[in-house]
Amino acid sequence: MRGGPKRRRTEPPVPVLELTTVIAAPREVVFDLARSVELHVDSLAHTGGRPAGA
Protein backbone atom coordinates (compact mmCIF):
# COMPACT_ATOMS: atom_id res chain seq x y z
CA MET A 1 0.00 0.00 0.00
CA ARG A 2 1.22 3.42 -0.82
CA GLY A 3 1.87 5.52 2.26
CA GLY A 4 1.15 2.72 4.71
CA PRO A 5 -2.15 1.47 6.11
CA LYS A 6 -5.08 3.86 6.40
CA ARG A 7 -5.86 4.96 9.91
CA ARG A 8 -9.42 4.61 11.08
CA ARG A 9 -11.03 7.54 12.80
CA THR A 10 -11.72 6.67 16.36
CA GLU A 11 -15.04 7.71 17.78
CA PRO A 12 -15.37 8.65 21.43
CA PRO A 13 -16.91 5.88 23.53
CA VAL A 14 -20.67 6.02 23.87
CA PRO A 15 -21.82 6.38 27.48
CA VAL A 16 -23.93 3.52 28.75
CA LEU A 17 -26.68 4.19 31.29
CA GLU A 18 -28.12 1.27 33.17
CA LEU A 19 -31.27 1.51 35.26
CA THR A 20 -32.61 -1.30 37.38
CA THR A 21 -36.14 -1.15 38.74
CA VAL A 22 -37.15 -3.72 41.32
CA ILE A 23 -40.85 -4.56 41.21
CA ALA A 24 -42.40 -6.77 43.87
CA ALA A 25 -44.67 -8.72 41.51
CA PRO A 26 -44.43 -11.83 39.37
CA ARG A 27 -42.85 -11.10 35.98
CA GLU A 28 -45.94 -12.40 34.15
CA VAL A 29 -48.09 -9.77 35.89
CA VAL A 30 -45.59 -7.01 35.13
CA PHE A 31 -45.36 -8.09 31.48
CA ASP A 32 -49.15 -8.13 31.07
CA LEU A 33 -49.53 -4.71 32.72
CA ALA A 34 -46.78 -3.27 30.50
CA ARG A 35 -48.93 -4.24 27.49
CA SER A 36 -52.14 -2.86 28.97
CA VAL A 37 -53.47 0.12 27.01
CA GLU A 38 -56.01 0.76 29.77
CA LEU A 39 -53.25 1.06 32.38
CA HIS A 40 -51.33 3.52 30.20
CA VAL A 41 -54.47 5.58 29.59
CA ASP A 42 -55.09 5.69 33.35
CA SER A 43 -51.48 6.65 34.07
CA LEU A 44 -51.67 9.56 31.59
CA ALA A 45 -55.11 10.81 32.67
CA HIS A 46 -53.65 13.69 34.73
CA THR A 47 -51.67 14.95 31.70
CA GLY A 48 -54.46 14.76 29.14
CA GLY A 49 -52.21 12.44 27.08
CA ARG A 50 -53.61 9.65 24.94
CA PRO A 51 -52.07 6.59 23.33
CA ALA A 52 -51.18 6.92 19.64
CA GLY A 53 -54.11 6.00 17.43
CA ALA A 54 -56.67 6.53 20.17
Foldseek 3Di string as FASTA:
>chain_A
DPPDDDDDDDDPDDDDDDDDDDDPDDPVVVVVLVPDLVNVCVVCVVVPDHDPPD
